[in-house]
Amino acid sequence: MMGIKNDVRHMLMHAQPIHWETPGTHRIPFAVYTQSDVHQKELERFFYKSHWSYVGLEAEIPNPGDFKRTVIGERSVIMTRSQEGQIHVVENVCAHRGMAFCRERHGNKKELVCPYHQWSYALDGKLQGVPFRRGVRQDGKVNGGMPADFDPKDHGLNALKVATRGGVVFASFDHEVESLEDFMGPAIVQYFDRLFNGRQLKILGYNRQRIPGNWKLMQENIKDPYHPGLLHTWFVTFGLWRADNKSELRMDAHHRHAAMISTRGSAGQASGASSDVTQVSSFKASMQLNDPSFLDIVPEAWWGGPTAVMMTLFPSVIFQQQVNSVSTRHIQPDGHGAFDFVWTHFGFEDDTPNMTERRLRQANLFGPAGFVSADDGEVIEFSQEAFESKSHHRALAELGGRDVGETDHMVTETLIRGMYEYWRKVMEA
C-alpha cells in the first residue's frame, strides 16, 4: 500500500506540464484527457478536496436503516439513514484491514459489518463491535485481544461532511469545505431550487452505462449547446432543442457550474431563408412518431417559463429537466479514459398517475439507449480515441468568441471555456 502511495506522490510531483497555446481556454490540449498523472491530480483537487460531490437523493433511503452504495471520484462511499432519521455518508473502507466491505448497491441494515473479521459499525460509521477485542480464554488464561489502549472511538469509518438541499444529498471528504450554497453560488442555486423546490421526490428508475472517455467530456457535453440541434436528429426534427430557441447561459462566479436554459419555440421548424441563416431545419422533415405521446408535453407550474434547464455542478453531477422528464446524472471516473454514468429518473410524490406515466415514457429519450443520449456516449468514445492517438494536439472551443461570460443565446462554447478557466486555476495553483 505504501508503495502505491509513493507512486502516486511521484506522479503528482513529476507530472508533465500541460501546454496551452494561449493564456485563455479556447484551445484545449488533448493531454488534459490522456495523462494518468493529470487524472490523479484532478481526483485529489476536485473530488477529494474543497468541493462538494453529489451522492444521491433522500428519497433513495426513505426509511431508517436504508443505505445506498455509490462513488465520489474513485472512492466507494455509503449513504445511510440512521435509526434517528439522520443522513450520513461514510467511506466504504473497513478501519481494520481496509476492505471495501459493502458489496450491495442498496438495502436495509441495522449495522454495517465487514465480513472479513466481523468488525461492526453503526450507520453513522462509529465502531461498535470488535470480535475477540478482549482476547479468548483458554486453559485458564486469556490469549490475544487488542492492546489495552485500543479505543473504538478512534477506529470508526471515515465519515464525510454531509449537506442536503431540496432532497438532494451532497458529501465532501474535506470538512473545511465552504457551505453548499456558497459552493453553488446564487445564480445556480436559483435554478437548483426551481427543480428541487421542497416537493417530496419519488424514484422512478435508474440507468447505468460505462463510457470509454475522460470524465470531463460529459461535463463539456452538457455545457455545449452547439451540438444538440446538430448531432441529435431527434431534437431538431421534433423541435425539442433548437439553437434559435429563446435561451440563456448562466454560470457561478468561478465559472465551474452552469445552467443552460431554453424555452421551446412556437414557430416550428425553420424553412426558406430562415433555414439558410439558422441552419436548424429538420434533417428528416417527413419523420413521424408512431407514438406521439413521447412528445406529449404538459407545462408545469414550477417551470416558471423555461421548458428545459440543464445544470452542471462541477465536478460530479448533472441535473436535467427536459420536457416532463427530470433526472440526475452522476459522473463516476474510472481512470483517465473511462467513467460510469448513472442516471436517476424521478418525479414527485404529488404527481398524478398520468404525469408519472408521462415522465417514465419521456425518460426513454435519455439514458444509455435513449433516442437522444445514445449519441453522446458514442461521440465521447470516438473523441477519446482521437485524443489518445494524437496527444500533442488540441481542441477548439471558439464558437461565440474566445472570452468567458454569460449569454442570452446558445450559439457559443463559453461554458466550456469557463470550466477550463476554473480547471486551470485549480490545477496550476
Protein backbone atom coordinates (compact mmCIF):
# COMPACT_ATOMS: atom_id res chain seq x y z
CA MET A 1 0.00 0.00 0.00
CA MET A 2 2.83 2.38 0.89
CA GLY A 3 4.48 1.65 -2.45
CA ILE A 4 1.29 2.63 -4.29
CA LYS A 5 1.02 5.86 -2.31
CA ASN A 6 4.62 6.69 -3.09
CA ASP A 7 3.98 6.02 -6.77
CA VAL A 8 1.01 8.39 -6.72
CA ARG A 9 3.07 11.07 -4.95
CA HIS A 10 5.80 10.59 -7.54
CA MET A 11 3.31 11.06 -10.36
CA LEU A 12 1.90 14.19 -8.77
CA MET A 13 5.35 15.67 -8.23
CA HIS A 14 6.62 14.79 -11.70
CA ALA A 15 3.50 15.33 -13.80
CA GLN A 16 4.25 16.58 -17.26
CA PRO A 17 3.04 20.18 -17.52
CA ILE A 18 0.11 20.72 -19.86
CA HIS A 19 0.95 23.04 -22.75
CA TRP A 20 -1.77 25.57 -23.55
CA GLU A 21 -1.34 27.55 -26.76
CA THR A 22 -2.73 30.72 -25.18
CA PRO A 23 -3.40 32.17 -21.71
CA GLY A 24 -7.08 31.56 -22.40
CA THR A 25 -9.01 28.28 -22.57
CA HIS A 26 -10.42 28.36 -26.07
CA ARG A 27 -7.85 25.82 -27.28
CA ILE A 28 -7.88 22.76 -25.04
CA PRO A 29 -4.87 20.41 -25.17
CA PHE A 30 -5.71 16.77 -25.80
CA ALA A 31 -3.31 15.96 -22.95
CA VAL A 32 -5.90 17.03 -20.35
CA TYR A 33 -7.85 13.90 -21.34
CA THR A 34 -4.99 11.41 -21.75
CA GLN A 35 -2.48 11.74 -18.93
CA SER A 36 -2.89 9.45 -15.91
CA ASP A 37 -0.86 11.77 -13.67
CA VAL A 38 -3.19 14.65 -14.54
CA HIS A 39 -6.16 12.44 -13.69
CA GLN A 40 -4.76 11.60 -10.25
CA LYS A 41 -4.21 15.27 -9.58
CA GLU A 42 -7.80 16.03 -10.64
CA LEU A 43 -9.15 13.44 -8.22
CA GLU A 44 -7.24 14.99 -5.33
CA ARG A 45 -8.11 18.60 -6.14
CA PHE A 46 -11.67 18.32 -7.43
CA PHE A 47 -13.21 15.23 -5.83
CA TYR A 48 -11.36 14.83 -2.52
CA LYS A 49 -10.67 18.43 -1.50
CA SER A 50 -12.53 21.78 -1.43
CA HIS A 51 -15.55 20.53 -3.41
CA TRP A 52 -18.98 19.06 -2.75
CA SER A 53 -19.90 15.92 -4.68
CA TYR A 54 -23.34 14.52 -5.44
CA VAL A 55 -24.19 11.35 -3.53
CA GLY A 56 -27.89 10.72 -4.16
CA LEU A 57 -31.45 11.65 -3.30
CA GLU A 58 -33.02 11.40 0.15
CA ALA A 59 -35.89 9.51 -1.49
CA GLU A 60 -33.47 6.65 -2.22
CA ILE A 61 -33.09 5.96 1.51
CA PRO A 62 -36.54 6.86 2.92
CA ASN A 63 -36.52 4.52 5.96
CA PRO A 64 -34.22 4.08 8.97
CA GLY A 65 -31.55 1.52 8.10
CA ASP A 66 -31.73 2.19 4.36
CA PHE A 67 -28.42 2.58 2.56
CA LYS A 68 -27.05 3.17 -0.93
CA ARG A 69 -23.51 2.44 -2.09
CA THR A 70 -22.10 4.92 -4.57
CA VAL A 71 -18.85 6.65 -5.55
CA ILE A 72 -17.16 10.02 -5.10
CA GLY A 73 -14.33 10.29 -7.59
CA GLU A 74 -12.93 6.76 -7.44
CA ARG A 75 -13.65 6.18 -3.76
CA SER A 76 -16.55 3.96 -2.72
CA VAL A 77 -18.92 5.56 -0.18
CA ILE A 78 -22.15 4.55 1.55
CA MET A 79 -25.10 6.88 2.12
CA THR A 80 -27.17 5.75 5.12
CA ARG A 81 -30.18 6.84 7.12
CA SER A 82 -29.74 6.19 10.84
CA GLN A 83 -32.44 4.95 13.20
CA GLU A 84 -32.90 8.61 14.22
CA GLY A 85 -33.56 9.55 10.60
CA GLN A 86 -30.29 11.41 10.03
CA ILE A 87 -28.38 11.01 6.77
CA HIS A 88 -24.72 10.02 6.92
CA VAL A 89 -22.08 9.29 4.30
CA VAL A 90 -19.15 7.04 5.21
CA GLU A 91 -16.26 5.69 3.20
CA ASN A 92 -16.58 2.03 2.23
CA VAL A 93 -13.21 1.09 3.75
CA CYS A 94 -13.07 -1.02 6.91
CA ALA A 95 -11.00 0.66 9.63
CA HIS A 96 -9.34 -2.70 10.40
CA ARG A 97 -7.71 -4.03 7.21
CA GLY A 98 -9.11 -1.68 4.62
CA MET A 99 -11.60 -3.96 2.89
CA ALA A 100 -14.34 -2.42 0.75
CA PHE A 101 -16.83 -4.36 2.80
CA CYS A 102 -20.19 -3.22 1.41
CA ARG A 103 -20.95 -5.09 -1.81
CA GLU A 104 -24.69 -4.47 -2.24
CA ARG A 105 -25.76 -1.38 -4.15
CA HIS A 106 -28.64 -0.70 -1.76
CA GLY A 107 -30.64 -2.31 1.02
CA ASN A 108 -31.56 -2.02 4.69
CA LYS A 109 -29.33 -2.87 7.62
CA LYS A 110 -29.28 -2.25 11.35
CA GLU A 111 -25.48 -2.04 11.23
CA LEU A 112 -22.60 -2.20 8.77
CA VAL A 113 -20.48 -5.34 9.16
CA CYS A 114 -17.22 -6.20 7.43
CA PRO A 115 -17.32 -9.91 6.50
CA TYR A 116 -13.55 -10.32 6.73
CA HIS A 117 -13.24 -10.10 10.53
CA GLN A 118 -16.78 -9.09 11.53
CA TRP A 119 -15.95 -5.60 12.70
CA SER A 120 -19.32 -3.87 13.02
CA TYR A 121 -20.21 -0.20 12.70
CA ALA A 122 -23.27 1.87 13.46
CA LEU A 123 -24.96 3.51 10.49
CA ASP A 124 -23.08 6.74 11.24
CA GLY A 125 -19.76 4.90 10.95
CA LYS A 126 -18.91 4.58 14.66
CA LEU A 127 -17.16 1.33 15.56
CA GLN A 128 -19.37 -0.71 17.88
CA GLY A 129 -18.06 -4.28 17.79
CA VAL A 130 -14.63 -5.98 17.52
CA PRO A 131 -14.56 -9.79 17.84
CA PHE A 132 -12.04 -11.03 20.39
CA ARG A 133 -11.26 -7.49 21.47
CA ARG A 134 -10.54 -8.74 24.97
CA GLY A 135 -8.97 -11.98 23.82
CA VAL A 136 -10.02 -15.60 24.14
CA ARG A 137 -9.93 -17.53 27.43
CA GLN A 138 -8.24 -20.90 27.12
CA ASP A 139 -6.87 -23.18 29.83
CA GLY A 140 -7.39 -20.56 32.49
CA LYS A 141 -5.64 -17.71 30.69
CA VAL A 142 -6.61 -15.05 28.18
CA ASN A 143 -4.89 -15.16 24.83
CA GLY A 144 -4.70 -12.32 22.36
CA GLY A 145 -7.03 -9.36 22.34
CA MET A 146 -6.47 -5.78 21.27
CA PRO A 147 -3.95 -3.60 23.13
CA ALA A 148 -5.18 -2.10 26.41
CA ASP A 149 -5.18 1.41 24.94
CA PHE A 150 -7.31 0.43 21.92
CA ASP A 151 -10.22 2.89 21.83
CA PRO A 152 -13.15 2.17 19.46
CA LYS A 153 -13.79 5.91 19.15
CA ASP A 154 -10.51 6.19 17.23
CA HIS A 155 -11.33 3.47 14.71
CA GLY A 156 -14.66 4.26 13.10
CA LEU A 157 -15.30 4.51 9.38
CA ASN A 158 -14.19 7.70 7.68
CA ALA A 159 -17.25 9.94 7.95
CA LEU A 160 -17.72 12.63 5.30
CA LYS A 161 -19.23 16.07 5.72
CA VAL A 162 -22.84 15.99 4.53
CA ALA A 163 -25.17 18.68 3.19
CA THR A 164 -28.72 18.32 1.91
CA ARG A 165 -30.89 20.73 -0.02
CA GLY A 166 -34.31 20.11 -1.53
CA GLY A 167 -33.99 16.35 -1.04
CA VAL A 168 -30.56 16.11 -2.71
CA VAL A 169 -27.57 14.79 -0.75
CA PHE A 170 -24.01 16.03 -1.20
CA ALA A 171 -20.86 15.00 0.67
CA SER A 172 -17.23 16.04 0.92
CA PHE A 173 -14.08 14.39 2.22
CA ASP A 174 -12.95 17.92 3.12
CA HIS A 175 -14.57 19.00 6.40
CA GLU A 176 -13.33 22.58 5.84
CA VAL A 177 -15.19 22.92 2.53
CA GLU A 178 -17.34 26.03 2.06
CA SER A 179 -21.10 25.77 2.53
CA LEU A 180 -23.07 24.02 -0.20
CA GLU A 181 -24.88 27.27 -1.01
CA ASP A 182 -21.63 29.19 -1.39
CA PHE A 183 -20.22 26.35 -3.48
CA MET A 184 -23.16 26.58 -5.89
CA GLY A 185 -23.40 30.35 -5.93
CA PRO A 186 -26.68 32.35 -6.11
CA ALA A 187 -27.14 32.07 -9.89
CA ILE A 188 -27.07 28.26 -9.80
CA VAL A 189 -28.99 27.98 -6.52
CA GLN A 190 -31.85 29.79 -8.26
CA TYR A 191 -32.23 27.05 -10.85
CA PHE A 192 -31.45 24.27 -8.40
CA ASP A 193 -34.32 25.44 -6.18
CA ARG A 194 -36.59 25.69 -9.20
CA LEU A 195 -36.29 21.90 -9.66
CA PHE A 196 -35.85 20.86 -6.04
CA ASN A 197 -38.48 23.17 -4.58
CA GLY A 198 -39.41 21.25 -1.44
CA ARG A 199 -41.81 18.74 -3.01
CA GLN A 200 -41.22 15.15 -1.93
CA LEU A 201 -39.28 13.28 -4.59
CA LYS A 202 -40.26 9.85 -5.92
CA ILE A 203 -37.74 7.49 -7.52
CA LEU A 204 -38.87 6.16 -10.92
CA GLY A 205 -35.85 4.16 -12.02
CA TYR A 206 -32.17 4.00 -12.98
CA ASN A 207 -29.92 3.64 -15.99
CA ARG A 208 -26.21 2.89 -15.81
CA GLN A 209 -23.57 2.87 -18.53
CA ARG A 210 -19.81 2.70 -18.90
CA ILE A 211 -18.46 5.31 -21.34
CA PRO A 212 -14.86 4.86 -22.58
CA GLY A 213 -13.89 8.52 -22.40
CA ASN A 214 -12.49 11.08 -19.99
CA TRP A 215 -14.98 12.16 -17.33
CA LYS A 216 -14.66 15.86 -18.20
CA LEU A 217 -16.09 15.17 -21.64
CA MET A 218 -19.53 14.62 -20.14
CA GLN A 219 -19.32 17.91 -18.27
CA GLU A 220 -18.33 19.52 -21.56
CA ASN A 221 -21.12 17.78 -23.43
CA ILE A 222 -23.82 19.20 -21.19
CA LYS A 223 -22.18 22.66 -21.22
CA ASP A 224 -22.24 22.57 -25.03
CA PRO A 225 -25.39 23.99 -26.69
CA TYR A 226 -23.66 23.85 -30.10
CA HIS A 227 -24.19 20.12 -30.72
CA PRO A 228 -27.80 19.28 -29.61
CA GLY A 229 -29.51 20.67 -32.69
CA LEU A 230 -26.85 19.17 -34.98
CA LEU A 231 -25.92 15.78 -33.53
CA HIS A 232 -29.31 14.81 -32.16
CA THR A 233 -31.68 14.25 -35.06
CA TRP A 234 -34.48 13.86 -32.56
CA PHE A 235 -34.01 17.33 -31.15
CA VAL A 236 -34.07 19.23 -34.39
CA THR A 237 -36.69 17.09 -36.12
CA PHE A 238 -39.25 17.42 -33.35
CA GLY A 239 -38.29 20.87 -32.11
CA LEU A 240 -37.19 19.83 -28.62
CA TRP A 241 -33.95 21.82 -28.70
CA ARG A 242 -33.05 24.41 -31.30
CA ALA A 243 -30.27 26.96 -31.46
CA ASP A 244 -32.80 29.71 -32.21
CA ASN A 245 -34.97 28.98 -29.16
CA LYS A 246 -35.18 31.71 -26.53
CA SER A 247 -32.34 30.82 -24.20
CA GLU A 248 -29.70 31.96 -21.73
CA LEU A 249 -26.49 30.54 -20.28
CA ARG A 250 -25.67 31.24 -16.63
CA MET A 251 -22.58 30.45 -14.53
CA ASP A 252 -21.40 30.76 -10.96
CA ALA A 253 -18.73 33.34 -10.15
CA HIS A 254 -15.95 30.75 -10.60
CA HIS A 255 -17.36 29.56 -13.97
CA ARG A 256 -17.25 25.94 -12.79
CA HIS A 257 -21.03 25.37 -12.63
CA ALA A 258 -23.57 26.32 -15.27
CA ALA A 259 -27.24 26.37 -16.17
CA MET A 260 -28.36 26.12 -19.79
CA ILE A 261 -31.91 27.45 -20.03
CA SER A 262 -34.12 27.09 -23.08
CA THR A 263 -37.74 27.83 -23.89
CA ARG A 264 -39.23 25.76 -26.65
CA GLY A 265 -40.28 27.96 -29.56
CA SER A 266 -43.68 28.04 -31.16
CA ALA A 267 -42.57 28.91 -34.66
CA GLY A 268 -41.91 25.32 -35.69
CA GLN A 269 -39.13 24.21 -37.97
CA ALA A 270 -37.16 26.74 -39.94
CA SER A 271 -37.71 26.91 -43.67
CA GLY A 272 -36.74 29.04 -46.65
CA ALA A 273 -34.44 31.98 -45.99
CA SER A 274 -34.70 31.41 -42.25
CA SER A 275 -33.20 27.93 -42.55
CA ASP A 276 -30.31 29.38 -44.57
CA VAL A 277 -29.44 31.66 -41.67
CA THR A 278 -30.13 29.43 -38.69
CA GLN A 279 -29.15 26.10 -40.23
CA VAL A 280 -31.59 24.34 -37.91
CA SER A 281 -34.11 22.94 -40.36
CA SER A 282 -35.10 19.35 -39.87
CA PHE A 283 -32.76 16.60 -41.03
CA LYS A 284 -35.74 14.40 -41.75
CA ALA A 285 -38.73 16.63 -42.27
CA SER A 286 -41.00 13.71 -43.07
CA MET A 287 -40.15 11.76 -39.91
CA GLN A 288 -43.20 10.95 -37.80
CA LEU A 289 -43.64 9.28 -34.42
CA ASN A 290 -45.67 6.09 -34.20
CA ASP A 291 -46.38 7.07 -30.60
CA PRO A 292 -46.80 10.87 -30.31
CA SER A 293 -47.08 10.56 -26.53
CA PHE A 294 -43.27 10.75 -26.37
CA LEU A 295 -43.71 14.45 -27.04
CA ASP A 296 -46.98 14.91 -25.17
CA ILE A 297 -45.56 17.74 -23.08
CA VAL A 298 -47.63 19.28 -20.30
CA PRO A 299 -46.37 22.65 -18.96
CA GLU A 300 -45.82 22.54 -15.20
CA ALA A 301 -46.28 25.48 -12.84
CA TRP A 302 -42.81 25.10 -11.31
CA TRP A 303 -41.12 25.60 -14.69
CA GLY A 304 -41.61 29.34 -14.39
CA GLY A 305 -41.24 29.76 -18.16
CA PRO A 306 -38.26 27.66 -19.37
CA THR A 307 -39.18 24.33 -20.92
CA ALA A 308 -35.68 22.87 -20.43
CA VAL A 309 -32.91 23.54 -17.92
CA MET A 310 -29.67 21.59 -17.85
CA MET A 311 -27.47 22.22 -14.80
CA THR A 312 -23.88 21.09 -14.42
CA LEU A 313 -22.39 21.08 -10.95
CA PHE A 314 -18.67 20.57 -11.24
CA PRO A 315 -17.24 18.00 -10.91
CA SER A 316 -19.75 15.26 -10.33
CA VAL A 317 -23.35 15.76 -11.40
CA ILE A 318 -25.82 16.99 -13.99
CA PHE A 319 -29.41 17.89 -13.15
CA GLN A 320 -31.70 17.57 -16.13
CA GLN A 321 -35.18 18.84 -16.85
CA GLN A 322 -36.19 18.33 -20.45
CA VAL A 323 -39.85 18.17 -21.40
CA ASN A 324 -41.52 16.44 -18.40
CA SER A 325 -38.55 14.15 -17.74
CA VAL A 326 -36.38 15.00 -14.71
CA SER A 327 -33.24 13.17 -13.64
CA THR A 328 -29.83 13.35 -12.07
CA ARG A 329 -26.75 12.14 -13.93
CA HIS A 330 -23.84 11.09 -11.73
CA ILE A 331 -20.31 11.07 -13.19
CA GLN A 332 -18.05 8.40 -11.64
CA PRO A 333 -14.49 8.45 -13.09
CA ASP A 334 -12.53 5.23 -13.59
CA GLY A 335 -9.06 6.21 -14.70
CA HIS A 336 -8.38 8.93 -17.24
CA GLY A 337 -10.10 7.11 -20.09
CA ALA A 338 -13.45 5.87 -18.76
CA PHE A 339 -16.30 6.72 -16.42
CA ASP A 340 -19.54 5.24 -15.19
CA PHE A 341 -22.59 7.36 -15.82
CA VAL A 342 -25.56 6.73 -13.54
CA TRP A 343 -29.00 8.18 -14.29
CA THR A 344 -31.61 8.51 -11.55
CA HIS A 345 -35.04 9.29 -13.00
CA PHE A 346 -37.50 10.78 -10.55
CA GLY A 347 -40.79 12.55 -10.16
CA PHE A 348 -42.75 14.00 -7.26
CA GLU A 349 -44.98 12.30 -4.72
CA ASP A 350 -47.89 14.59 -5.63
CA ASP A 351 -47.68 13.78 -9.35
CA THR A 352 -50.85 12.41 -10.86
CA PRO A 353 -50.69 8.86 -12.29
CA ASN A 354 -50.83 10.38 -15.77
CA MET A 355 -47.84 12.64 -15.04
CA THR A 356 -45.84 9.73 -13.61
CA GLU A 357 -46.57 7.72 -16.76
CA ARG A 358 -45.53 10.71 -18.90
CA ARG A 359 -42.23 11.13 -17.03
CA LEU A 360 -41.47 7.42 -17.42
CA ARG A 361 -42.31 7.44 -21.11
CA GLN A 362 -40.21 10.51 -21.82
CA ALA A 363 -37.29 9.09 -19.83
CA ASN A 364 -36.83 6.83 -22.88
CA LEU A 365 -35.48 9.84 -24.73
CA PHE A 366 -32.47 9.71 -22.42
CA GLY A 367 -30.17 7.17 -20.79
CA PRO A 368 -27.74 4.71 -22.45
CA ALA A 369 -30.17 3.62 -25.18
CA GLY A 370 -32.22 6.81 -25.28
CA PHE A 371 -33.33 8.23 -28.58
CA VAL A 372 -31.17 11.27 -27.79
CA SER A 373 -28.48 10.38 -25.25
CA ALA A 374 -27.08 7.35 -27.03
CA ASP A 375 -25.45 9.80 -29.46
CA ASP A 376 -23.48 11.48 -26.65
CA GLY A 377 -21.82 8.30 -25.38
CA GLU A 378 -20.76 7.41 -28.90
CA VAL A 379 -19.14 10.74 -29.77
CA ILE A 380 -17.34 10.86 -26.40
CA GLU A 381 -15.86 7.41 -27.09
CA PHE A 382 -14.70 8.43 -30.57
CA SER A 383 -13.25 11.68 -29.26
CA GLN A 384 -11.21 9.84 -26.65
CA GLU A 385 -9.86 7.52 -29.34
CA ALA A 386 -8.55 10.53 -31.26
CA PHE A 387 -7.10 12.20 -28.17
CA GLU A 388 -5.09 9.07 -27.31
CA SER A 389 -3.66 8.83 -30.82
CA LYS A 390 -2.59 12.48 -31.05
CA SER A 391 -1.98 13.67 -27.50
CA HIS A 392 0.09 16.72 -28.61
CA HIS A 393 -2.88 18.27 -30.45
CA ARG A 394 -5.71 20.46 -29.12
CA ALA A 395 -9.44 21.04 -29.47
CA LEU A 396 -11.12 24.32 -30.38
CA ALA A 397 -13.82 25.95 -28.27
CA GLU A 398 -14.13 29.28 -30.09
CA LEU A 399 -17.80 29.44 -31.08
CA GLY A 400 -19.07 32.77 -29.81
CA GLY A 401 -15.57 34.13 -29.30
CA ARG A 402 -12.66 33.34 -27.04
CA ASP A 403 -13.79 35.02 -23.82
CA VAL A 404 -15.84 33.69 -20.90
CA GLY A 405 -19.18 35.20 -19.94
CA GLU A 406 -22.90 34.61 -19.65
CA THR A 407 -25.04 34.94 -22.77
CA ASP A 408 -28.66 35.24 -23.87
CA HIS A 409 -28.19 32.77 -26.73
CA MET A 410 -26.83 29.26 -27.30
CA VAL A 411 -24.55 29.86 -30.25
CA THR A 412 -21.44 29.72 -28.11
CA GLU A 413 -18.97 27.47 -26.30
CA THR A 414 -18.49 29.92 -23.44
CA LEU A 415 -19.46 27.42 -20.75
CA ILE A 416 -16.69 25.03 -21.83
CA ARG A 417 -14.18 27.86 -21.82
CA GLY A 418 -15.41 28.84 -18.35
CA MET A 419 -14.98 25.33 -16.98
CA TYR A 420 -11.40 25.13 -18.19
CA GLU A 421 -10.67 28.60 -16.87
CA TYR A 422 -11.55 27.19 -13.43
CA TRP A 423 -9.71 23.94 -14.16
CA ARG A 424 -6.51 25.79 -14.96
CA LYS A 425 -6.80 27.98 -11.87
CA VAL A 426 -7.04 24.94 -9.57
CA MET A 427 -4.70 22.58 -11.39
CA GLU A 428 -1.96 25.14 -11.96
CA ALA A 429 -2.04 26.63 -8.46
